[in-house]
PDB file of all heavy atoms in Angstrom:
ATOM      1  N   ASP A   1     119.430 -74.809 221.900  1.00  0.00           N
ATOM      2  CA  ASP A   1     119.281 -73.408 222.255  1.00  0.00           C
ATOM      3  C   ASP A   1     119.768 -72.609 221.068  1.00  0.00           C
ATOM      4  O   ASP A   1     120.929 -72.744 220.641  1.00  0.00           O
ATOM      5  CB  ASP A   1     120.086 -73.098 223.526  1.00  0.00           C
ATOM      6  CG  ASP A   1     119.857 -71.668 224.051  1.00  0.00           C
ATOM      7  OD1 ASP A   1     118.804 -71.069 223.680  1.00  0.00           O
ATOM      8  OD2 ASP A   1     120.680 -71.175 224.834  1.00  0.00           O
ATOM      9  N   GLN A   2     118.906 -71.772 220.513  1.00  0.00           N
ATOM     10  CA  GLN A   2     119.248 -70.981 219.333  1.00  0.00           C
ATOM     11  C   GLN A   2     119.568 -69.536 219.765  1.00  0.00           C
ATOM     12  O   GLN A   2     118.736 -68.861 220.366  1.00  0.00           O
ATOM     13  CB  GLN A   2     118.115 -70.975 218.310  1.00  0.00           C
ATOM     14  CG  GLN A   2     118.469 -70.241 217.011  1.00  0.00           C
ATOM     15  CD  GLN A   2     117.400 -70.358 215.967  1.00  0.00           C
ATOM     16  OE1 GLN A   2     116.951 -69.326 215.407  1.00  0.00           O
ATOM     17  NE2 GLN A   2     116.954 -71.542 215.652  1.00  0.00           N
ATOM     18  N   VAL A   3     120.775 -69.080 219.437  1.00  0.00           N
ATOM     19  CA  VAL A   3     121.269 -67.792 219.913  1.00  0.00           C
ATOM     20  C   VAL A   3     122.096 -67.112 218.817  1.00  0.00           C
ATOM     21  O   VAL A   3     122.523 -67.722 217.888  1.00  0.00           O
ATOM     22  CB  VAL A   3     122.120 -67.928 221.191  1.00  0.00           C
ATOM     23  CG1 VAL A   3     121.277 -68.383 222.359  1.00  0.00           C
ATOM     24  CG2 VAL A   3     123.284 -68.890 220.969  1.00  0.00           C
ATOM     25  N   LEU A   4     122.301 -65.832 219.011  1.00  0.00           N
ATOM     26  CA  LEU A   4     123.158 -65.021 218.126  1.00  0.00           C
ATOM     27  C   LEU A   4     124.610 -65.462 218.320  1.00  0.00           C
ATOM     28  O   LEU A   4     125.086 -65.502 219.450  1.00  0.00           O
ATOM     29  CB  LEU A   4     123.012 -63.540 218.416  1.00  0.00           C
ATOM     30  CG  LEU A   4     123.881 -62.593 217.584  1.00  0.00           C
ATOM     31  CD1 LEU A   4     123.442 -62.564 216.150  1.00  0.00           C
ATOM     32  CD2 LEU A   4     123.865 -61.204 218.186  1.00  0.00           C
ATOM     33  N   TYR A   5     125.321 -65.770 217.214  1.00  0.00           N
ATOM     34  CA  TYR A   5     126.715 -66.205 217.321  1.00  0.00           C
ATOM     35  C   TYR A   5     127.422 -65.994 215.990  1.00  0.00           C
ATOM     36  O   TYR A   5     126.981 -66.514 214.969  1.00  0.00           O
ATOM     37  CB  TYR A   5     126.782 -67.678 217.709  1.00  0.00           C
ATOM     38  CG  TYR A   5     128.173 -68.223 217.925  1.00  0.00           C
ATOM     39  CD1 TYR A   5     129.140 -67.530 218.646  1.00  0.00           C
ATOM     40  CD2 TYR A   5     128.540 -69.469 217.399  1.00  0.00           C
ATOM     41  CE1 TYR A   5     130.414 -68.042 218.843  1.00  0.00           C
ATOM     42  CE2 TYR A   5     129.805 -70.016 217.609  1.00  0.00           C
ATOM     43  CZ  TYR A   5     130.738 -69.304 218.323  1.00  0.00           C
ATOM     44  OH  TYR A   5     131.979 -69.844 218.537  1.00  0.00           O
ATOM     45  N   ASN A   6     128.458 -65.206 216.003  1.00  0.00           N
ATOM     46  CA  ASN A   6     129.305 -65.003 214.823  1.00  0.00           C
ATOM     47  C   ASN A   6     130.636 -64.461 215.318  1.00  0.00           C
ATOM     48  O   ASN A   6     130.868 -64.332 216.540  1.00  0.00           O
ATOM     49  CB  ASN A   6     128.652 -64.047 213.804  1.00  0.00           C
ATOM     50  CG  ASN A   6     128.259 -62.728 214.437  1.00  0.00           C
ATOM     51  OD1 ASN A   6     129.118 -61.953 214.882  1.00  0.00           O
ATOM     52  ND2 ASN A   6     126.971 -62.415 214.466  1.00  0.00           N
ATOM     53  N   LEU A   7     131.544 -64.187 214.411  1.00  0.00           N
ATOM     54  CA  LEU A   7     132.898 -63.784 214.798  1.00  0.00           C
ATOM     55  C   LEU A   7     132.931 -62.487 215.627  1.00  0.00           C
ATOM     56  O   LEU A   7     133.843 -62.308 216.410  1.00  0.00           O
ATOM     57  CB  LEU A   7     133.760 -63.620 213.561  1.00  0.00           C
ATOM     58  CG  LEU A   7     134.267 -64.921 212.927  1.00  0.00           C
ATOM     59  CD1 LEU A   7     134.859 -64.683 211.576  1.00  0.00           C
ATOM     60  CD2 LEU A   7     135.271 -65.595 213.858  1.00  0.00           C
ATOM     61  N   ARG A   8     131.965 -61.617 215.408  1.00  0.00           N
ATOM     62  CA  ARG A   8     131.929 -60.377 216.176  1.00  0.00           C
ATOM     63  C   ARG A   8     131.128 -60.542 217.492  1.00  0.00           C
ATOM     64  O   ARG A   8     131.248 -59.719 218.368  1.00  0.00           O
ATOM     65  CB  ARG A   8     131.276 -59.282 215.329  1.00  0.00           C
ATOM     66  CG  ARG A   8     132.183 -58.690 214.286  1.00  0.00           C
ATOM     67  CD  ARG A   8     133.027 -57.547 214.855  1.00  0.00           C
ATOM     68  NE  ARG A   8     134.041 -57.110 213.931  1.00  0.00           N
ATOM     69  CZ  ARG A   8     133.849 -56.237 212.961  1.00  0.00           C
ATOM     70  NH1 ARG A   8     132.632 -55.764 212.725  1.00  0.00           N
ATOM     71  NH2 ARG A   8     134.854 -55.841 212.191  1.00  0.00           N
ATOM     72  N   ASP A   9     130.374 -61.608 217.584  1.00  0.00           N
ATOM     73  CA  ASP A   9     129.550 -61.852 218.769  1.00  0.00           C
ATOM     74  C   ASP A   9     129.906 -63.213 219.332  1.00  0.00           C
ATOM     75  O   ASP A   9     129.154 -64.188 219.178  1.00  0.00           O
ATOM     76  CB  ASP A   9     128.068 -61.779 218.406  1.00  0.00           C
ATOM     77  CG  ASP A   9     127.613 -60.394 217.939  1.00  0.00           C
ATOM     78  OD1 ASP A   9     127.565 -59.482 218.765  1.00  0.00           O
ATOM     79  OD2 ASP A   9     127.418 -60.260 216.739  1.00  0.00           O
ATOM     80  N   ARG A  10     131.032 -63.316 219.998  1.00  0.00           N
ATOM     81  CA  ARG A  10     131.544 -64.576 220.513  1.00  0.00           C
ATOM     82  C   ARG A  10     131.296 -64.770 221.981  1.00  0.00           C
ATOM     83  O   ARG A  10     131.823 -65.755 222.592  1.00  0.00           O
ATOM     84  CB  ARG A  10     133.067 -64.674 220.233  1.00  0.00           C
ATOM     85  CG  ARG A  10     133.412 -64.697 218.806  1.00  0.00           C
ATOM     86  CD  ARG A  10     134.922 -64.855 218.557  1.00  0.00           C
ATOM     87  NE  ARG A  10     135.439 -66.147 219.085  1.00  0.00           N
ATOM     88  CZ  ARG A  10     136.682 -66.585 218.851  1.00  0.00           C
ATOM     89  NH1 ARG A  10     137.521 -65.857 218.142  1.00  0.00           N
ATOM     90  NH2 ARG A  10     137.060 -67.728 219.345  1.00  0.00           N
ATOM     91  N   GLY A  11     130.482 -63.931 222.589  1.00  0.00           N
ATOM     92  CA  GLY A  11     130.287 -63.972 224.055  1.00  0.00           C
ATOM     93  C   GLY A  11     129.859 -65.330 224.567  1.00  0.00           C
ATOM     94  O   GLY A  11     130.218 -65.735 225.694  1.00  0.00           O
ATOM     95  N   ILE A  12     129.067 -66.074 223.796  1.00  0.00           N
ATOM     96  CA  ILE A  12     128.539 -67.370 224.293  1.00  0.00           C
ATOM     97  C   ILE A  12     129.634 -68.405 224.447  1.00  0.00           C
ATOM     98  O   ILE A  12     129.421 -69.449 225.077  1.00  0.00           O
ATOM     99  CB  ILE A  12     127.424 -67.909 223.388  1.00  0.00           C
ATOM    100  CG1 ILE A  12     127.935 -68.249 221.986  1.00  0.00           C
ATOM    101  CG2 ILE A  12     126.247 -66.949 223.318  1.00  0.00           C
ATOM    102  CD1 ILE A  12     126.929 -68.990 221.116  1.00  0.00           C
ATOM    103  N   GLU A  13     130.821 -68.167 223.896  1.00  0.00           N
ATOM    104  CA  GLU A  13     131.932 -69.116 224.038  1.00  0.00           C
ATOM    105  C   GLU A  13     132.423 -69.164 225.501  1.00  0.00           C
ATOM    106  O   GLU A  13     132.995 -70.151 225.915  1.00  0.00           O
ATOM    107  CB  GLU A  13     133.091 -68.754 223.133  1.00  0.00           C
ATOM    108  CG  GLU A  13     132.786 -68.955 221.640  1.00  0.00           C
ATOM    109  CD  GLU A  13     133.981 -68.565 220.777  1.00  0.00           C
ATOM    110  OE1 GLU A  13     135.122 -68.496 221.285  1.00  0.00           O
ATOM    111  OE2 GLU A  13     133.751 -68.280 219.596  1.00  0.00           O
ATOM    112  N   TYR A  14     132.214 -68.099 226.238  1.00  0.00           N
ATOM    113  CA  TYR A  14     132.724 -68.037 227.598  1.00  0.00           C
ATOM    114  C   TYR A  14     132.040 -69.065 228.511  1.00  0.00           C
ATOM    115  O   TYR A  14     132.733 -69.786 229.255  1.00  0.00           O
ATOM    116  CB  TYR A  14     132.528 -66.658 228.199  1.00  0.00           C
ATOM    117  CG  TYR A  14     133.166 -66.470 229.546  1.00  0.00           C
ATOM    118  CD1 TYR A  14     134.550 -66.246 229.660  1.00  0.00           C
ATOM    119  CD2 TYR A  14     132.413 -66.523 230.705  1.00  0.00           C
ATOM    120  CE1 TYR A  14     135.146 -66.113 230.901  1.00  0.00           C
ATOM    121  CE2 TYR A  14     132.981 -66.367 231.946  1.00  0.00           C
ATOM    122  CZ  TYR A  14     134.366 -66.171 232.025  1.00  0.00           C
ATOM    123  OH  TYR A  14     134.976 -66.027 233.284  1.00  0.00           O
ATOM    124  N   ASP A  15     130.709 -69.203 228.402  1.00  0.00           N
ATOM    125  CA  ASP A  15     130.077 -70.166 229.299  1.00  0.00           C
ATOM    126  C   ASP A  15     128.909 -70.924 228.670  1.00  0.00           C
ATOM    127  O   ASP A  15     128.689 -72.086 228.981  1.00  0.00           O
ATOM    128  CB  ASP A  15     129.591 -69.473 230.612  1.00  0.00           C
ATOM    129  CG  ASP A  15     128.647 -68.305 230.340  1.00  0.00           C
ATOM    130  OD1 ASP A  15     128.448 -67.936 229.163  1.00  0.00           O
ATOM    131  OD2 ASP A  15     128.168 -67.726 231.336  1.00  0.00           O
ATOM    132  N   LEU A  16     128.156 -70.303 227.748  1.00  0.00           N
ATOM    133  CA  LEU A  16     126.978 -70.995 227.222  1.00  0.00           C
ATOM    134  C   LEU A  16     127.343 -72.201 226.351  1.00  0.00           C
ATOM    135  O   LEU A  16     126.779 -73.287 226.500  1.00  0.00           O
ATOM    136  CB  LEU A  16     126.104 -70.034 226.432  1.00  0.00           C
ATOM    137  CG  LEU A  16     124.804 -70.614 225.851  1.00  0.00           C
ATOM    138  CD1 LEU A  16     123.941 -71.166 227.002  1.00  0.00           C
ATOM    139  CD2 LEU A  16     124.040 -69.623 225.018  1.00  0.00           C
ATOM    140  N   ILE A  17     128.270 -72.036 225.417  1.00  0.00           N
ATOM    141  CA  ILE A  17     128.680 -73.165 224.575  1.00  0.00           C
ATOM    142  C   ILE A  17     129.263 -74.336 225.426  1.00  0.00           C
ATOM    143  O   ILE A  17     128.858 -75.467 225.263  1.00  0.00           O
ATOM    144  CB  ILE A  17     129.643 -72.746 223.458  1.00  0.00           C
ATOM    145  CG1 ILE A  17     128.849 -71.959 222.388  1.00  0.00           C
ATOM    146  CG2 ILE A  17     130.332 -73.932 222.849  1.00  0.00           C
ATOM    147  CD1 ILE A  17     129.700 -71.531 221.192  1.00  0.00           C
ATOM    148  N   PRO A  18     130.183 -74.040 226.377  1.00  0.00           N
ATOM    149  CA  PRO A  18     130.676 -75.159 227.205  1.00  0.00           C
ATOM    150  C   PRO A  18     129.554 -75.816 228.037  1.00  0.00           C
ATOM    151  O   PRO A  18     129.512 -77.031 228.143  1.00  0.00           O
ATOM    152  CB  PRO A  18     131.705 -74.471 228.124  1.00  0.00           C
ATOM    153  CG  PRO A  18     132.155 -73.279 227.343  1.00  0.00           C
ATOM    154  CD  PRO A  18     130.940 -72.791 226.599  1.00  0.00           C
ATOM    155  N   TRP A  19     128.621 -74.991 228.552  1.00  0.00           N
ATOM    156  CA  TRP A  19     127.535 -75.554 229.352  1.00  0.00           C
ATOM    157  C   TRP A  19     126.664 -76.457 228.475  1.00  0.00           C
ATOM    158  O   TRP A  19     126.298 -77.557 228.890  1.00  0.00           O
ATOM    159  CB  TRP A  19     126.687 -74.403 229.958  1.00  0.00           C
ATOM    160  CG  TRP A  19     125.592 -74.872 230.865  1.00  0.00           C
ATOM    161  CD1 TRP A  19     125.639 -75.031 232.209  1.00  0.00           C
ATOM    162  CD2 TRP A  19     124.265 -75.280 230.445  1.00  0.00           C
ATOM    163  NE1 TRP A  19     124.466 -75.514 232.693  1.00  0.00           N
ATOM    164  CE2 TRP A  19     123.588 -75.652 231.645  1.00  0.00           C
ATOM    165  CE3 TRP A  19     123.571 -75.330 229.262  1.00  0.00           C
ATOM    166  CZ2 TRP A  19     122.262 -76.088 231.632  1.00  0.00           C
ATOM    167  CZ3 TRP A  19     122.299 -75.775 229.228  1.00  0.00           C
ATOM    168  CH2 TRP A  19     121.614 -76.130 230.422  1.00  0.00           C
ATOM    169  N   CYS A  20     126.294 -76.000 227.300  1.00  0.00           N
ATOM    170  CA  CYS A  20     125.483 -76.792 226.376  1.00  0.00           C
ATOM    171  C   CYS A  20     126.211 -78.069 226.005  1.00  0.00           C
ATOM    172  O   CYS A  20     125.599 -79.128 225.918  1.00  0.00           O
ATOM    173  CB  CYS A  20     125.123 -75.957 225.144  1.00  0.00           C
ATOM    174  SG  CYS A  20     123.853 -74.716 225.403  1.00  0.00           S
ATOM    175  N   GLY A  21     127.530 -77.976 225.801  1.00  0.00           N
ATOM    176  CA  GLY A  21     128.299 -79.186 225.471  1.00  0.00           C
ATOM    177  C   GLY A  21     128.240 -80.207 226.576  1.00  0.00           C
ATOM    178  O   GLY A  21     128.081 -81.405 226.307  1.00  0.00           O
ATOM    179  N   ARG A  22     128.372 -79.751 227.813  1.00  0.00           N
ATOM    180  CA  ARG A  22     128.323 -80.678 228.956  1.00  0.00           C
ATOM    181  C   ARG A  22     126.950 -81.357 229.063  1.00  0.00           C
ATOM    182  O   ARG A  22     126.842 -82.474 229.605  1.00  0.00           O
ATOM    183  CB  ARG A  22     128.662 -79.955 230.265  1.00  0.00           C
ATOM    184  CG  ARG A  22     130.117 -79.524 230.366  1.00  0.00           C
ATOM    185  CD  ARG A  22     130.465 -79.087 231.765  1.00  0.00           C
ATOM    186  NE  ARG A  22     129.679 -77.942 232.242  1.00  0.00           N
ATOM    187  CZ  ARG A  22     129.979 -76.690 232.054  1.00  0.00           C
ATOM    188  NH1 ARG A  22     131.081 -76.367 231.366  1.00  0.00           N
ATOM    189  NH2 ARG A  22     129.213 -75.723 232.558  1.00  0.00           N
ATOM    190  N   HIS A  23     125.895 -80.687 228.616  1.00  0.00           N
ATOM    191  CA  HIS A  23     124.528 -81.238 228.782  1.00  0.00           C
ATOM    192  C   HIS A  23     124.012 -81.832 227.482  1.00  0.00           C
ATOM    193  O   HIS A  23     122.823 -82.208 227.409  1.00  0.00           O
ATOM    194  CB  HIS A  23     123.602 -80.134 229.285  1.00  0.00           C
ATOM    195  CG  HIS A  23     123.858 -79.721 230.712  1.00  0.00           C
ATOM    196  ND1 HIS A  23     124.803 -78.809 231.033  1.00  0.00           N
ATOM    197  CD2 HIS A  23     123.326 -80.187 231.860  1.00  0.00           C
ATOM    198  CE1 HIS A  23     124.853 -78.661 232.361  1.00  0.00           C
ATOM    199  NE2 HIS A  23     123.950 -79.495 232.873  1.00  0.00           N
ATOM    200  N   GLY A  24     124.855 -81.942 226.452  1.00  0.00           N
ATOM    201  CA  GLY A  24     124.428 -82.583 225.214  1.00  0.00           C
ATOM    202  C   GLY A  24     123.382 -81.774 224.475  1.00  0.00           C
ATOM    203  O   GLY A  24     122.517 -82.399 223.786  1.00  0.00           O
ATOM    204  N   ILE A  25     123.416 -80.470 224.567  1.00  0.00           N
ATOM    205  CA  ILE A  25     122.441 -79.584 223.912  1.00  0.00           C
ATOM    206  C   ILE A  25     123.166 -78.766 222.855  1.00  0.00           C
ATOM    207  O   ILE A  25     123.972 -77.898 223.140  1.00  0.00           O
ATOM    208  CB  ILE A  25     121.776 -78.636 224.911  1.00  0.00           C
ATOM    209  CG1 ILE A  25     121.055 -79.442 225.986  1.00  0.00           C
ATOM    210  CG2 ILE A  25     120.852 -77.642 224.283  1.00  0.00           C
ATOM    211  CD1 ILE A  25     120.446 -78.631 227.134  1.00  0.00           C
ATOM    212  N   PRO A  26     122.887 -78.999 221.566  1.00  0.00           N
ATOM    213  CA  PRO A  26     123.534 -78.223 220.516  1.00  0.00           C
ATOM    214  C   PRO A  26     123.090 -76.754 220.548  1.00  0.00           C
ATOM    215  O   PRO A  26     122.016 -76.413 220.960  1.00  0.00           O
ATOM    216  CB  PRO A  26     123.040 -78.901 219.223  1.00  0.00           C
ATOM    217  CG  PRO A  26     122.605 -80.258 219.635  1.00  0.00           C
ATOM    218  CD  PRO A  26     122.075 -80.121 221.022  1.00  0.00           C
ATOM    219  N   VAL A  27     123.998 -75.895 220.104  1.00  0.00           N
ATOM    220  CA  VAL A  27     123.746 -74.476 219.945  1.00  0.00           C
ATOM    221  C   VAL A  27     123.438 -74.232 218.465  1.00  0.00           C
ATOM    222  O   VAL A  27     124.191 -74.641 217.574  1.00  0.00           O
ATOM    223  CB  VAL A  27     124.933 -73.649 220.375  1.00  0.00           C
ATOM    224  CG1 VAL A  27     124.773 -72.184 219.976  1.00  0.00           C
ATOM    225  CG2 VAL A  27     125.159 -73.769 221.894  1.00  0.00           C
ATOM    226  N   MET A  28     122.322 -73.539 218.218  1.00  0.00           N
ATOM    227  CA  MET A  28     121.994 -73.146 216.813  1.00  0.00           C
ATOM    228  C   MET A  28     122.316 -71.654 216.677  1.00  0.00           C
ATOM    229  O   MET A  28     121.799 -70.823 217.389  1.00  0.00           O
ATOM    230  CB  MET A  28     120.490 -73.363 216.595  1.00  0.00           C
ATOM    231  CG  MET A  28     120.057 -74.818 216.754  1.00  0.00           C
ATOM    232  SD  MET A  28     118.279 -75.030 216.551  1.00  0.00           S
ATOM    233  CE  MET A  28     118.078 -74.732 214.768  1.00  0.00           C
ATOM    234  N   ALA A  29     123.240 -71.370 215.795  1.00  0.00           N
ATOM    235  CA  ALA A  29     123.733 -70.028 215.600  1.00  0.00           C
ATOM    236  C   ALA A  29     122.967 -69.250 214.540  1.00  0.00           C
ATOM    237  O   ALA A  29     122.968 -69.645 213.368  1.00  0.00           O
ATOM    238  CB  ALA A  29     125.207 -70.083 215.206  1.00  0.00           C
ATOM    239  N   TYR A  30     122.233 -68.238 214.988  1.00  0.00           N
ATOM    240  CA  TYR A  30     121.578 -67.378 213.962  1.00  0.00           C
ATOM    241  C   TYR A  30     122.446 -66.153 213.684  1.00  0.00           C
ATOM    242  O   TYR A  30     123.324 -65.806 214.511  1.00  0.00           O
ATOM    243  CB  TYR A  30     120.122 -67.018 214.340  1.00  0.00           C
ATOM    244  CG  TYR A  30     119.934 -66.095 215.534  1.00  0.00           C
ATOM    245  CD1 TYR A  30     120.125 -64.728 215.419  1.00  0.00           C
ATOM    246  CD2 TYR A  30     119.391 -66.571 216.711  1.00  0.00           C
ATOM    247  CE1 TYR A  30     119.863 -63.880 216.501  1.00  0.00           C
ATOM    248  CE2 TYR A  30     119.123 -65.739 217.784  1.00  0.00           C
ATOM    249  CZ  TYR A  30     119.357 -64.392 217.675  1.00  0.00           C
ATOM    250  OH  TYR A  30     119.116 -63.558 218.727  1.00  0.00           O
ATOM    251  N   THR A  31     122.255 -65.543 212.532  1.00  0.00           N
ATOM    252  CA  THR A  31     123.126 -64.455 212.041  1.00  0.00           C
ATOM    253  C   THR A  31     124.590 -64.848 212.083  1.00  0.00           C
ATOM    254  O   THR A  31     125.442 -64.099 212.583  1.00  0.00           O
ATOM    255  CB  THR A  31     122.882 -63.150 212.793  1.00  0.00           C
ATOM    256  OG1 THR A  31     121.488 -62.958 213.050  1.00  0.00           O
ATOM    257  CG2 THR A  31     123.381 -61.905 212.035  1.00  0.00           C
ATOM    258  N   PRO A  32     124.918 -66.055 211.588  1.00  0.00           N
ATOM    259  CA  PRO A  32     126.318 -66.526 211.690  1.00  0.00           C
ATOM    260  C   PRO A  32     127.305 -65.740 210.829  1.00  0.00           C
ATOM    261  O   PRO A  32     128.497 -65.845 211.005  1.00  0.00           O
ATOM    262  CB  PRO A  32     126.198 -67.984 211.247  1.00  0.00           C
ATOM    263  CG  PRO A  32     125.033 -68.005 210.315  1.00  0.00           C
ATOM    264  CD  PRO A  32     124.060 -67.033 210.909  1.00  0.00           C
ATOM    265  N   LEU A  33     126.783 -64.980 209.882  1.00  0.00           N
ATOM    266  CA  LEU A  33     127.675 -64.180 208.991  1.00  0.00           C
ATOM    267  C   LEU A  33     127.728 -62.730 209.431  1.00  0.00           C
ATOM    268  O   LEU A  33     128.275 -61.864 208.704  1.00  0.00           O
ATOM    269  CB  LEU A  33     127.166 -64.289 207.538  1.00  0.00           C
ATOM    270  CG  LEU A  33     127.146 -65.707 206.974  1.00  0.00           C
ATOM    271  CD1 LEU A  33     126.553 -65.752 205.597  1.00  0.00           C
ATOM    272  CD2 LEU A  33     128.525 -66.362 207.001  1.00  0.00           C
TER     273      LEU A  33
END
């Protein structure tokens, strides 16, 4: 799943990153800088 993720946009840490981790699905971070 490719989503926006950087230090100012950390919202996916609340549930999407843990959910993807449990299902073995890597997160692709665009605009990481």
